[in-house]
Amino acid sequence: MTGRPPTLRTIAAISTCAAFLSLSACTGGSSEAQSSAPPTSANSSTPTPSEPLSPADPAALERVVPEPAAITAAAGTFTLTSATAIHASAGAEAVAADLAAYLQQQTGLAPQTTQNTDAAVQLTLQPTGGDPSLGTEGYTLAIAPDSVKITAATDAGLFHGVQTLRQLLVGTKLQDGTVTDHPRFAYRGVMLDVARHFYSVADVKAYIDAAALYKVNEFHLHLTDDQGWRFAVPGYPKLTTLGASTQVGGGPGGSYSPADLKEIVDYAASRYMTVIPEIDMPGHVGAAVYADTSLACDGRHHGPVTSLSPAYDALCTSSTSTYRFVDSATKAAADATPGGTYLHMGGDEAQALNLTQYNAFVQKAQNLVAGHGRTPIAWAEAGTAPLLPQTVLEYWNTAQPQSYVLQAAAKGTKLIMAPGSHAYLDQQPVAGFRLGLHWAGYIPVSKAYDWDPVTVLPGIGPSSVLGVEAPLWSETVKSLADAETLAFPRLPAIAEIGWSAPNTHDWAKFSHRLADQGPLWDKLGIAYYKSPEVPWQ
């Protein structure tokens, strides 16, 4: 995606702290960080001539998730002080503001951005496009005793470099060395289900922040399902008065106004993520047919759905009014998420329809989505229908053979890999866990890490794989803390699958790098499950 709008700079500098930390943590940082900071001086990041450089320590650089493409340690350390300043080249000012806010979060110090080109910390956009091998999201991070330099071809690359710097920071020190990095896949997504349980805008933004730390670039927002419809569609007011009024267990539900969705979209953009809205159809439409019974063919009254299980309702695929509704709803979703490329049209578990009805719906719905300027994404079941050349399928159900997915891929359809048995964050990590389900099996963090997107579905070639996604369905997830507890530490594992080259995947080493994330999560207030598989400090 392109760089974020400059109006987000103030939000970027403030909202992260507000989303994750208490006031005392935002203003003071940890006592350990404060006590370890050296006295302020004009050039306190540079060792005096008599001060020997510490030896190169590769282990101090081998703590980053996802694993970078290349790391070289050097002798010495850089020490952040209250005098440390950050300079950004033209176009990188917003990322510099982010970095200053992040460093204050983690250390309690308050580094300032400056126009001084001699500042110790430099963020540089390369005017010639940079190293072609690093692509549009790659970066180089070079740390020396007196300087920290992040260079990239785009501001997204700089932002990813900042996330690496955050993870490398121990107290106020950075081990000297060079990190060169770029992603394996272009699509690296997370999905949050706000239909089964509704989440505030602040909670959604906090989840975006946590995912951004691991270089996720797509935020799939599951806006509708049996248990709730969460956004407004012109001409269908009952969708937000009735369809949004409930959730699993019968709670109050809720919906997002156009202003709410704009705030989410803008915030995601500030974290270099694109929002992908999903309207699940022609199945999983319990909330829609509760709001407007004419959308179903059966003529019966459809009440609210508050159960964990699907209602197995379906849109009336033979009615022209259904397609007027689909056209209006997809247009509203596209309009509410400007700047996006994709729109997810669902398509899973439509058992109430026969194959002919289902395929006819998929064909018409994808054309309507495309007519609103979006690339359609559908769950893998849609592969039974003739697809537009640009339509993308999302693979999830590892329990059933899906020859139609292989056939679609053979014709050029791109795939997002989200295998339920590895990547579904709502599945319990162990038996008896207080959150989640286990219909796809238990997924300990080692299993979330133990798969490859190009081999998880035999018969799929590398060129067919667009990327990976980690969905979080919310049947049992009632709060941000619940969501984080299921997502961490497994979300970083799946993020590494999407970012890092397969020859770097090593569970033993990864588990130690994952353990190094724990103190940062503690400082940021991210709730996480202390899996016994990970050697936490």
Protein backbone atom coordinates (compact mmCIF):
# COMPACT_ATOMS: atom_id res chain seq x y z
CA MET A 1 0.00 0.00 0.00
CA THR A 2 1.04 3.60 -0.29
CA GLY A 3 2.20 5.72 2.62
CA ARG A 4 -0.32 6.79 5.18
CA PRO A 5 -1.94 10.21 5.20
CA PRO A 6 0.05 12.84 7.11
CA THR A 7 -2.96 13.68 9.30
CA LEU A 8 -2.24 10.50 11.24
CA ARG A 9 1.06 11.64 12.71
CA THR A 10 -0.44 12.86 15.97
CA ILE A 11 -2.52 9.70 16.28
CA ALA A 12 0.53 7.55 15.64
CA ALA A 13 2.52 9.31 18.33
CA ILE A 14 -0.19 9.11 20.99
CA SER A 15 -2.67 6.32 20.37
CA THR A 16 -0.32 3.39 20.84
CA CYS A 17 0.42 4.47 24.40
CA ALA A 18 -3.22 5.09 25.16
CA ALA A 19 -4.23 1.72 23.72
CA PHE A 20 -1.78 -0.42 25.66
CA LEU A 21 -0.46 1.33 28.75
CA SER A 22 -1.64 2.85 31.97
CA LEU A 23 -0.90 6.53 32.50
CA SER A 24 2.01 5.81 34.82
CA ALA A 25 3.59 3.45 32.30
CA CYS A 26 3.15 5.95 29.47
CA THR A 27 4.75 8.79 31.37
CA GLY A 28 7.41 6.99 33.33
CA GLY A 29 8.44 3.78 31.66
CA SER A 30 9.91 0.97 33.71
CA SER A 31 12.08 1.72 36.70
CA GLU A 32 14.73 -0.57 35.25
CA ALA A 33 14.83 1.43 32.02
CA GLN A 34 15.11 4.70 33.89
CA SER A 35 17.85 3.52 36.21
CA SER A 36 19.90 2.12 33.32
CA ALA A 37 19.91 5.37 31.34
CA PRO A 38 23.29 7.16 31.48
CA PRO A 39 23.54 10.85 32.43
CA THR A 40 22.47 13.27 29.73
CA SER A 41 25.23 14.80 27.63
CA ALA A 42 25.54 16.39 24.23
CA ASN A 43 26.89 13.23 22.63
CA SER A 44 26.37 10.50 25.21
CA SER A 45 25.73 7.78 22.61
CA THR A 46 29.39 7.86 21.52
CA PRO A 47 32.02 6.05 23.62
CA THR A 48 34.97 8.11 24.80
CA PRO A 49 38.34 7.19 23.19
CA SER A 50 39.37 5.33 26.32
CA GLU A 51 36.16 3.29 26.48
CA PRO A 52 36.70 -0.12 24.83
CA LEU A 53 34.02 -1.46 22.55
CA SER A 54 32.14 -4.47 23.85
CA PRO A 55 32.71 -7.57 21.70
CA ALA A 56 30.32 -8.53 18.97
CA ASP A 57 27.39 -10.44 20.43
CA PRO A 58 25.39 -12.24 17.72
CA ALA A 59 22.95 -13.62 20.30
CA ALA A 60 21.88 -10.08 21.20
CA LEU A 61 20.70 -9.59 17.60
CA GLU A 62 19.07 -13.02 17.32
CA ARG A 63 15.91 -12.06 19.19
CA VAL A 64 13.80 -10.70 16.34
CA VAL A 65 10.46 -12.16 15.22
CA PRO A 66 9.95 -12.69 12.32
CA GLU A 67 13.48 -13.95 11.64
CA PRO A 68 15.29 -11.39 9.42
CA ALA A 69 16.86 -12.37 6.13
CA ALA A 70 20.41 -11.56 7.30
CA ILE A 71 22.06 -10.47 10.56
CA THR A 72 25.69 -9.47 11.15
CA ALA A 73 26.88 -8.54 14.64
CA ALA A 74 29.63 -5.96 15.24
CA ALA A 75 31.60 -4.84 18.29
CA GLY A 76 29.98 -2.21 20.47
CA THR A 77 26.58 -1.05 21.63
CA PHE A 78 24.43 2.01 21.04
CA THR A 79 22.93 3.56 24.18
CA LEU A 80 19.75 5.59 23.99
CA THR A 81 19.77 8.68 26.21
CA SER A 82 17.56 11.67 26.84
CA ALA A 83 19.78 13.57 24.38
CA THR A 84 19.23 11.11 21.52
CA ALA A 85 17.50 12.73 18.57
CA ILE A 86 15.82 11.28 15.47
CA HIS A 87 16.14 12.72 11.97
CA ALA A 88 13.90 11.68 9.09
CA SER A 89 14.45 12.27 5.41
CA ALA A 90 11.60 13.80 3.42
CA GLY A 91 8.58 11.49 3.53
CA ALA A 92 9.73 9.61 6.61
CA GLU A 93 8.63 12.13 9.24
CA ALA A 94 5.58 10.14 10.36
CA VAL A 95 7.61 6.99 10.97
CA ALA A 96 10.10 9.06 12.97
CA ALA A 97 7.23 10.27 15.17
CA ASP A 98 6.19 6.65 15.65
CA LEU A 99 9.72 5.69 16.65
CA ALA A 100 9.93 8.50 19.19
CA ALA A 101 6.63 7.39 20.76
CA TYR A 102 7.67 3.74 20.82
CA LEU A 103 11.00 4.53 22.45
CA GLN A 104 9.26 6.57 25.10
CA GLN A 105 6.90 3.64 25.74
CA GLN A 106 9.74 1.22 26.23
CA THR A 107 12.30 3.33 28.07
CA GLY A 108 10.57 6.32 29.65
CA LEU A 109 12.99 8.59 27.79
CA ALA A 110 11.61 11.17 25.37
CA PRO A 111 13.73 11.30 22.21
CA GLN A 112 12.87 14.21 19.93
CA THR A 113 12.62 14.42 16.16
CA THR A 114 14.88 17.04 14.63
CA GLN A 115 15.87 18.68 11.37
CA ASN A 116 19.52 18.18 12.30
CA THR A 117 21.03 15.74 9.81
CA ASP A 118 23.73 14.83 12.35
CA ALA A 119 21.18 13.22 14.70
CA ALA A 120 22.20 9.88 16.15
CA VAL A 121 19.13 8.08 14.76
CA GLN A 122 18.47 8.40 11.03
CA LEU A 123 15.46 7.22 9.02
CA THR A 124 16.14 7.46 5.31
CA LEU A 125 13.89 6.88 2.32
CA GLN A 126 16.05 6.01 -0.65
CA PRO A 127 15.09 8.29 -3.55
CA THR A 128 16.24 5.81 -6.19
CA GLY A 129 14.01 3.04 -4.88
CA GLY A 130 16.70 1.31 -2.85
CA ASP A 131 17.95 -2.25 -3.18
CA PRO A 132 15.62 -4.10 -5.59
CA SER A 133 16.17 -7.33 -3.65
CA LEU A 134 14.47 -5.79 -0.61
CA GLY A 135 11.28 -4.92 -2.49
CA THR A 136 8.77 -2.39 -1.22
CA GLU A 137 8.68 -3.62 2.39
CA GLY A 138 12.31 -4.49 3.04
CA TYR A 139 14.79 -2.42 5.04
CA THR A 140 18.32 -2.24 6.36
CA LEU A 141 19.01 -1.46 10.03
CA ALA A 142 22.62 -0.52 10.85
CA ILE A 143 23.59 0.00 14.50
CA ALA A 144 26.95 1.48 15.50
CA PRO A 145 28.23 2.91 18.81
CA ASP A 146 27.24 6.45 17.78
CA SER A 147 24.39 5.92 15.30
CA VAL A 148 21.32 3.95 14.32
CA LYS A 149 20.33 4.07 10.65
CA ILE A 150 17.24 2.56 9.04
CA THR A 151 17.01 2.79 5.25
CA ALA A 152 14.26 1.57 2.95
CA ALA A 153 12.64 2.24 -0.39
CA THR A 154 9.26 3.03 1.21
CA ASP A 155 7.88 4.30 4.49
CA ALA A 156 6.36 0.85 5.04
CA GLY A 157 9.87 -0.61 4.92
CA LEU A 158 11.05 1.99 7.43
CA PHE A 159 8.15 1.12 9.72
CA HIS A 160 9.07 -2.57 9.61
CA GLY A 161 12.64 -1.63 10.46
CA VAL A 162 11.34 0.31 13.46
CA GLN A 163 9.56 -2.84 14.69
CA THR A 164 12.85 -4.72 14.55
CA LEU A 165 14.59 -1.95 16.48
CA ARG A 166 11.89 -2.13 19.17
CA GLN A 167 12.50 -5.83 19.65
CA LEU A 168 16.29 -5.41 19.79
CA LEU A 169 16.16 -2.73 22.48
CA VAL A 170 17.20 -4.13 25.87
CA GLY A 171 16.80 -1.46 28.52
CA THR A 172 18.34 1.48 26.68
CA LYS A 173 20.93 -0.48 24.69
CA LEU A 174 21.16 -1.89 21.19
CA GLN A 175 23.80 -4.40 20.12
CA ASP A 176 25.81 -3.09 17.17
CA GLY A 177 25.40 -4.83 13.85
CA THR A 178 23.42 -4.86 10.63
CA VAL A 179 20.02 -6.37 9.85
CA THR A 180 18.94 -6.72 6.23
CA ASP A 181 15.39 -7.91 5.77
CA HIS A 182 12.46 -8.40 3.42
CA PRO A 183 9.26 -10.49 3.40
CA ARG A 184 8.69 -13.84 1.74
CA PHE A 185 5.01 -13.22 0.91
CA ALA A 186 3.21 -10.04 -0.09
CA TYR A 187 0.08 -10.92 1.92
CA ARG A 188 0.55 -11.38 5.67
CA GLY A 189 -2.78 -11.05 7.41
CA VAL A 190 -4.71 -11.38 10.62
CA MET A 191 -8.47 -11.63 10.91
CA LEU A 192 -10.61 -10.43 13.81
CA ASP A 193 -14.22 -11.61 14.10
CA VAL A 194 -16.25 -8.70 15.47
CA ALA A 195 -19.57 -10.32 14.50
CA ARG A 196 -19.88 -13.04 17.14
CA HIS A 197 -18.65 -10.69 19.85
CA PHE A 198 -18.47 -6.96 19.25
CA TYR A 199 -15.32 -4.96 20.05
CA SER A 200 -14.89 -1.24 20.54
CA VAL A 201 -12.86 0.84 18.12
CA ALA A 202 -10.17 1.19 20.79
CA ASP A 203 -9.91 -2.59 21.16
CA VAL A 204 -9.69 -3.09 17.40
CA LYS A 205 -6.91 -0.48 17.23
CA ALA A 206 -5.05 -2.20 20.05
CA TYR A 207 -5.20 -5.52 18.20
CA ILE A 208 -3.88 -3.79 15.09
CA ASP A 209 -0.98 -2.39 17.12
CA ALA A 210 -0.05 -5.79 18.53
CA ALA A 211 -0.10 -7.37 15.06
CA ALA A 212 1.95 -4.53 13.53
CA LEU A 213 4.85 -5.37 15.82
CA TYR A 214 5.25 -8.55 13.74
CA LYS A 215 5.06 -6.90 10.32
CA VAL A 216 1.50 -7.94 9.47
CA ASN A 217 0.19 -5.89 6.54
CA GLU A 218 -3.45 -6.99 6.02
CA PHE A 219 -6.24 -6.63 8.58
CA HIS A 220 -9.26 -8.77 7.69
CA LEU A 221 -12.32 -7.52 9.59
CA HIS A 222 -15.12 -10.09 9.77
CA LEU A 223 -18.07 -7.69 9.99
CA THR A 224 -21.09 -9.96 9.59
CA ASP A 225 -22.20 -13.40 10.67
CA ASP A 226 -25.18 -15.20 12.14
CA GLN A 227 -24.75 -13.52 15.52
CA GLY A 228 -24.32 -9.92 14.42
CA TRP A 229 -24.21 -7.40 11.57
CA ARG A 230 -21.76 -4.62 12.42
CA PHE A 231 -21.97 -1.79 9.86
CA ALA A 232 -24.57 0.39 8.20
CA VAL A 233 -25.95 -0.22 4.71
CA PRO A 234 -28.02 2.61 3.16
CA GLY A 235 -31.59 1.52 2.60
CA TYR A 236 -31.43 -1.28 5.18
CA PRO A 237 -31.70 0.45 8.57
CA LYS A 238 -32.77 -2.69 10.45
CA LEU A 239 -29.34 -4.22 9.90
CA THR A 240 -27.98 -1.95 12.63
CA THR A 241 -31.11 -1.70 14.78
CA LEU A 242 -31.93 -5.43 14.83
CA GLY A 243 -29.10 -7.26 13.11
CA ALA A 244 -26.45 -5.58 15.27
CA SER A 245 -28.38 -5.89 18.53
CA THR A 246 -27.02 -9.21 19.71
CA GLN A 247 -23.99 -11.50 19.87
CA VAL A 248 -23.05 -14.93 21.17
CA GLY A 249 -24.72 -15.42 24.54
CA GLY A 250 -27.27 -12.67 23.89
CA GLY A 251 -25.18 -9.65 24.81
CA PRO A 252 -25.93 -6.15 23.51
CA GLY A 253 -23.85 -6.40 20.36
CA GLY A 254 -23.14 -3.16 18.54
CA SER A 255 -22.15 -1.70 15.19
CA TYR A 256 -19.62 0.69 13.70
CA SER A 257 -20.66 4.02 12.27
CA PRO A 258 -19.01 5.22 9.06
CA ALA A 259 -16.84 7.47 11.25
CA ASP A 260 -15.83 4.45 13.37
CA LEU A 261 -14.79 2.47 10.34
CA LYS A 262 -12.86 5.44 8.97
CA GLU A 263 -11.01 5.66 12.28
CA ILE A 264 -10.13 1.96 12.08
CA VAL A 265 -9.06 2.22 8.45
CA ASP A 266 -6.93 5.30 9.11
CA TYR A 267 -5.34 3.73 12.15
CA ALA A 268 -4.55 0.52 10.27
CA ALA A 269 -3.00 2.66 7.52
CA SER A 270 -0.83 4.33 10.15
CA ARG A 271 0.48 0.84 10.93
CA TYR A 272 0.89 0.03 7.22
CA MET A 273 -2.03 -2.38 7.17
CA THR A 274 -4.94 -2.42 4.76
CA VAL A 275 -8.41 -3.20 6.11
CA ILE A 276 -10.26 -5.97 4.27
CA PRO A 277 -13.98 -5.91 5.14
CA GLU A 278 -15.86 -9.19 5.04
CA ILE A 279 -19.56 -9.73 4.46
CA ASP A 280 -20.13 -13.45 4.95
CA MET A 281 -22.72 -14.79 2.47
CA PRO A 282 -24.77 -16.59 1.20
CA GLY A 283 -24.56 -18.58 4.46
CA HIS A 284 -23.76 -17.21 7.93
CA VAL A 285 -26.49 -14.61 7.37
CA GLY A 286 -28.59 -15.13 10.50
CA ALA A 287 -28.32 -11.50 11.58
CA ALA A 288 -29.24 -10.25 8.10
CA VAL A 289 -32.35 -12.39 7.75
CA TYR A 290 -33.36 -11.56 11.32
CA ALA A 291 -33.26 -7.89 10.32
CA ASP A 292 -34.97 -8.44 6.97
CA THR A 293 -36.84 -11.72 6.59
CA SER A 294 -37.45 -11.05 2.88
CA LEU A 295 -33.79 -11.88 2.26
CA ALA A 296 -34.57 -15.56 2.91
CA CYS A 297 -36.77 -17.70 0.66
CA ASP A 298 -38.44 -19.83 3.32
CA GLY A 299 -41.03 -17.26 4.39
CA ARG A 300 -40.55 -17.98 8.10
CA HIS A 301 -39.66 -15.58 10.88
CA HIS A 302 -35.96 -15.64 11.67
CA GLY A 303 -35.13 -14.76 15.25
CA PRO A 304 -31.80 -13.55 16.64
CA VAL A 305 -28.95 -16.03 16.70
CA THR A 306 -27.05 -16.15 19.99
CA SER A 307 -25.63 -19.67 19.86
CA LEU A 308 -22.02 -20.68 19.29
CA SER A 309 -22.99 -22.82 16.32
CA PRO A 310 -24.04 -21.49 12.89
CA ALA A 311 -27.74 -20.99 12.15
CA TYR A 312 -27.40 -22.40 8.61
CA ASP A 313 -29.68 -19.77 7.17
CA ALA A 314 -29.08 -18.61 3.61
CA LEU A 315 -29.88 -15.70 1.35
CA CYS A 316 -32.55 -16.34 -1.27
CA THR A 317 -30.35 -16.87 -4.31
CA SER A 318 -33.26 -16.84 -6.79
CA SER A 319 -34.52 -13.37 -5.84
CA THR A 320 -33.48 -10.19 -7.61
CA SER A 321 -33.97 -8.30 -4.34
CA THR A 322 -31.20 -10.41 -2.81
CA TYR A 323 -28.72 -9.16 -5.37
CA ARG A 324 -29.86 -5.57 -4.87
CA PHE A 325 -29.03 -6.12 -1.20
CA VAL A 326 -25.65 -7.71 -1.99
CA ASP A 327 -24.83 -4.83 -4.32
CA SER A 328 -25.76 -2.25 -1.67
CA ALA A 329 -23.91 -4.06 1.11
CA THR A 330 -20.70 -4.59 -0.83
CA LYS A 331 -20.74 -0.99 -2.03
CA ALA A 332 -21.23 0.22 1.55
CA ALA A 333 -18.35 -1.96 2.77
CA ALA A 334 -16.08 -0.69 0.00
CA ASP A 335 -17.05 2.93 0.62
CA ALA A 336 -16.44 2.54 4.37
CA THR A 337 -12.91 1.17 3.83
CA PRO A 338 -11.30 3.51 1.27
CA GLY A 339 -7.84 2.73 -0.01
CA GLY A 340 -8.34 -1.02 0.13
CA THR A 341 -7.68 -3.56 -2.60
CA TYR A 342 -9.76 -6.50 -1.42
CA LEU A 343 -13.29 -7.23 -0.23
CA HIS A 344 -14.04 -10.60 1.35
CA MET A 345 -17.42 -12.02 0.37
CA GLY A 346 -17.38 -15.05 2.66
CA GLY A 347 -18.82 -18.15 1.03
CA ASP A 348 -18.22 -20.82 3.67
CA GLU A 349 -20.64 -23.33 5.17
CA ALA A 350 -23.67 -22.59 2.98
CA GLN A 351 -25.28 -25.97 3.66
CA ALA A 352 -28.80 -24.59 3.19
CA LEU A 353 -28.16 -24.26 -0.56
CA ASN A 354 -27.55 -26.89 -3.19
CA LEU A 355 -24.42 -26.64 -5.33
CA THR A 356 -26.23 -25.08 -8.29
CA GLN A 357 -27.73 -22.35 -6.11
CA TYR A 358 -24.44 -21.73 -4.37
CA ASN A 359 -22.34 -21.51 -7.53
CA ALA A 360 -24.83 -19.13 -9.16
CA PHE A 361 -24.61 -16.85 -6.12
CA VAL A 362 -20.81 -16.87 -6.07
CA GLN A 363 -20.66 -15.91 -9.73
CA LYS A 364 -23.01 -12.97 -9.28
CA ALA A 365 -21.56 -11.79 -5.97
CA GLN A 366 -17.97 -11.71 -7.19
CA ASN A 367 -19.03 -9.60 -10.16
CA LEU A 368 -20.76 -7.15 -7.85
CA VAL A 369 -17.65 -6.91 -5.66
CA ALA A 370 -15.46 -6.35 -8.70
CA GLY A 371 -17.90 -3.70 -9.91
CA HIS A 372 -17.10 -1.67 -6.80
CA GLY A 373 -13.41 -1.66 -7.62
CA ARG A 374 -12.38 -4.43 -5.22
CA THR A 375 -10.66 -7.75 -5.75
CA PRO A 376 -12.98 -10.48 -4.40
CA ILE A 377 -11.74 -12.89 -1.75
CA ALA A 378 -13.86 -15.90 -0.79
CA TRP A 379 -13.43 -18.88 1.47
CA ALA A 380 -12.17 -21.93 -0.38
CA GLU A 381 -15.63 -23.46 -0.94
CA ALA A 382 -16.21 -20.82 -3.63
CA GLY A 383 -13.73 -22.73 -5.79
CA THR A 384 -16.64 -24.91 -6.94
CA ALA A 385 -17.94 -21.96 -8.99
CA PRO A 386 -16.41 -20.40 -12.10
CA LEU A 387 -14.21 -17.61 -10.75
CA LEU A 388 -13.06 -14.28 -12.11
CA PRO A 389 -9.34 -14.30 -12.94
CA GLN A 390 -8.63 -11.95 -10.03
CA THR A 391 -10.76 -13.67 -7.37
CA VAL A 392 -8.69 -15.02 -4.47
CA LEU A 393 -9.56 -18.10 -2.40
CA GLU A 394 -8.77 -18.51 1.29
CA TYR A 395 -7.95 -22.10 2.26
CA TRP A 396 -9.05 -23.09 5.77
CA ASN A 397 -10.70 -26.50 6.07
CA THR A 398 -7.93 -29.07 6.36
CA ALA A 399 -10.38 -31.81 7.41
CA GLN A 400 -11.99 -32.28 3.99
CA PRO A 401 -10.46 -32.96 0.56
CA GLN A 402 -10.91 -29.95 -1.68
CA SER A 403 -10.01 -30.89 -5.23
CA TYR A 404 -11.72 -27.76 -6.50
CA VAL A 405 -9.07 -25.64 -4.76
CA LEU A 406 -6.35 -27.46 -6.69
CA GLN A 407 -8.30 -27.04 -9.91
CA ALA A 408 -8.77 -23.33 -9.31
CA ALA A 409 -5.08 -22.89 -8.52
CA ALA A 410 -4.17 -24.74 -11.71
CA LYS A 411 -6.19 -22.12 -13.61
CA GLY A 412 -4.29 -19.26 -11.97
CA THR A 413 -6.38 -18.49 -8.86
CA LYS A 414 -4.24 -17.16 -6.02
CA LEU A 415 -4.59 -18.61 -2.54
CA ILE A 416 -4.36 -17.21 0.98
CA MET A 417 -3.31 -20.03 3.28
CA ALA A 418 -5.09 -20.09 6.65
CA PRO A 419 -5.21 -23.80 7.52
CA GLY A 420 -7.51 -24.27 10.50
CA SER A 421 -5.28 -26.96 12.00
CA HIS A 422 -2.29 -24.57 12.19
CA ALA A 423 -3.35 -20.94 11.77
CA TYR A 424 -6.74 -20.58 13.52
CA LEU A 425 -5.96 -18.62 16.66
CA ASP A 426 -9.35 -19.44 18.20
CA GLN A 427 -8.40 -23.12 18.50
CA GLN A 428 -7.24 -24.05 21.98
CA PRO A 429 -3.49 -24.44 22.52
CA VAL A 430 -4.07 -27.31 24.96
CA ALA A 431 -7.01 -29.36 26.20
CA GLY A 432 -9.04 -27.63 28.89
CA PHE A 433 -7.84 -24.12 27.99
CA ARG A 434 -10.33 -21.54 29.29
CA LEU A 435 -10.80 -19.94 25.87
CA GLY A 436 -11.32 -21.22 22.37
CA LEU A 437 -12.65 -24.33 20.66
CA HIS A 438 -10.92 -27.40 19.27
CA TRP A 439 -12.91 -28.61 16.27
CA ALA A 440 -9.73 -28.34 14.14
CA GLY A 441 -7.61 -29.87 16.90
CA TYR A 442 -5.41 -28.35 19.57
CA ILE A 443 -2.78 -25.94 18.29
CA PRO A 444 0.18 -25.49 20.62
CA VAL A 445 2.59 -22.79 19.56
CA SER A 446 4.96 -25.40 18.07
CA LYS A 447 2.18 -26.56 15.72
CA ALA A 448 1.32 -22.98 14.77
CA TYR A 449 4.97 -22.72 13.67
CA ASP A 450 5.27 -26.15 12.05
CA TRP A 451 3.89 -25.68 8.55
CA ASP A 452 4.74 -24.16 5.21
CA PRO A 453 2.21 -22.32 3.02
CA VAL A 454 3.41 -24.02 -0.16
CA THR A 455 3.31 -27.58 1.17
CA VAL A 456 0.37 -27.54 3.61
CA LEU A 457 -2.00 -28.36 0.73
CA PRO A 458 -0.34 -31.00 -1.49
CA GLY A 459 -0.45 -30.14 -5.15
CA ILE A 460 -0.18 -26.36 -4.73
CA GLY A 461 2.85 -24.66 -6.23
CA PRO A 462 4.66 -21.64 -4.76
CA SER A 463 3.35 -19.32 -7.47
CA SER A 464 -0.23 -19.98 -6.34
CA VAL A 465 0.31 -18.75 -2.79
CA LEU A 466 -0.42 -15.07 -2.21
CA GLY A 467 0.36 -15.31 1.48
CA VAL A 468 -0.85 -16.37 4.92
CA GLU A 469 -3.48 -15.33 7.44
CA ALA A 470 -4.14 -15.98 11.13
CA PRO A 471 -7.91 -15.80 11.76
CA LEU A 472 -9.36 -15.28 15.24
CA TRP A 473 -13.01 -16.28 15.48
CA SER A 474 -14.74 -14.94 18.55
CA GLU A 475 -17.29 -17.51 19.71
CA THR A 476 -15.62 -17.61 23.14
CA VAL A 477 -13.64 -14.37 22.91
CA LYS A 478 -15.40 -11.63 24.86
CA SER A 479 -12.65 -9.03 25.34
CA LEU A 480 -9.39 -7.68 23.99
CA ALA A 481 -7.54 -9.57 26.74
CA ASP A 482 -9.21 -12.81 25.59
CA ALA A 483 -8.22 -12.10 21.99
CA GLU A 484 -4.61 -11.39 22.93
CA THR A 485 -4.39 -14.47 25.13
CA LEU A 486 -5.37 -16.71 22.21
CA ALA A 487 -3.26 -14.79 19.69
CA PHE A 488 -0.03 -14.58 21.68
CA PRO A 489 2.40 -16.24 21.33
CA ARG A 490 0.93 -17.99 18.25
CA LEU A 491 0.32 -14.91 16.08
CA PRO A 492 4.08 -14.11 15.95
CA ALA A 493 4.70 -17.73 14.94
CA ILE A 494 2.36 -17.46 11.95
CA ALA A 495 3.75 -14.01 11.13
CA GLU A 496 7.18 -15.60 10.83
CA ILE A 497 5.78 -18.25 8.49
CA GLY A 498 4.61 -15.44 6.23
CA TRP A 499 7.67 -13.19 6.45
CA SER A 500 10.78 -15.33 6.79
CA ALA A 501 12.43 -17.67 4.31
CA PRO A 502 11.58 -21.35 4.96
CA ASN A 503 15.24 -22.32 5.48
CA THR A 504 15.29 -20.11 8.59
CA HIS A 505 12.43 -21.97 10.29
CA ASP A 506 13.84 -23.76 13.33
CA TRP A 507 11.55 -24.42 16.28
CA ALA A 508 14.28 -24.64 18.91
CA LYS A 509 15.77 -21.30 17.92
CA PHE A 510 12.37 -19.72 17.38
CA SER A 511 11.16 -20.71 20.85
CA HIS A 512 14.08 -18.79 22.38
CA ARG A 513 13.43 -15.75 20.18
CA LEU A 514 9.78 -15.95 21.18
CA ALA A 515 10.75 -16.03 24.85
CA ASP A 516 12.65 -12.78 24.30
CA GLN A 517 9.35 -11.12 23.32
CA GLY A 518 7.84 -11.71 26.76
CA PRO A 519 9.36 -8.67 28.53
CA LEU A 520 8.20 -6.41 25.69
CA TRP A 521 4.65 -7.79 25.89
CA ASP A 522 4.71 -7.25 29.64
CA LYS A 523 5.74 -3.64 29.13
CA LEU A 524 3.12 -3.06 26.42
CA GLY A 525 0.37 -4.69 28.47
CA ILE A 526 -0.31 -7.45 25.92
CA ALA A 527 -2.04 -10.42 27.55
CA TYR A 528 -0.42 -13.70 26.50
CA TYR A 529 -0.39 -17.39 27.31
CA LYS A 530 2.87 -18.54 28.86
CA SER A 531 3.05 -21.77 26.90
CA PRO A 532 5.26 -24.36 28.63
CA GLU A 533 6.84 -25.01 25.22
CA VAL A 534 8.57 -21.61 25.37
CA PRO A 535 11.60 -21.04 27.67
CA TRP A 536 10.32 -17.79 29.12
CA GLN A 537 12.87 -15.70 30.98
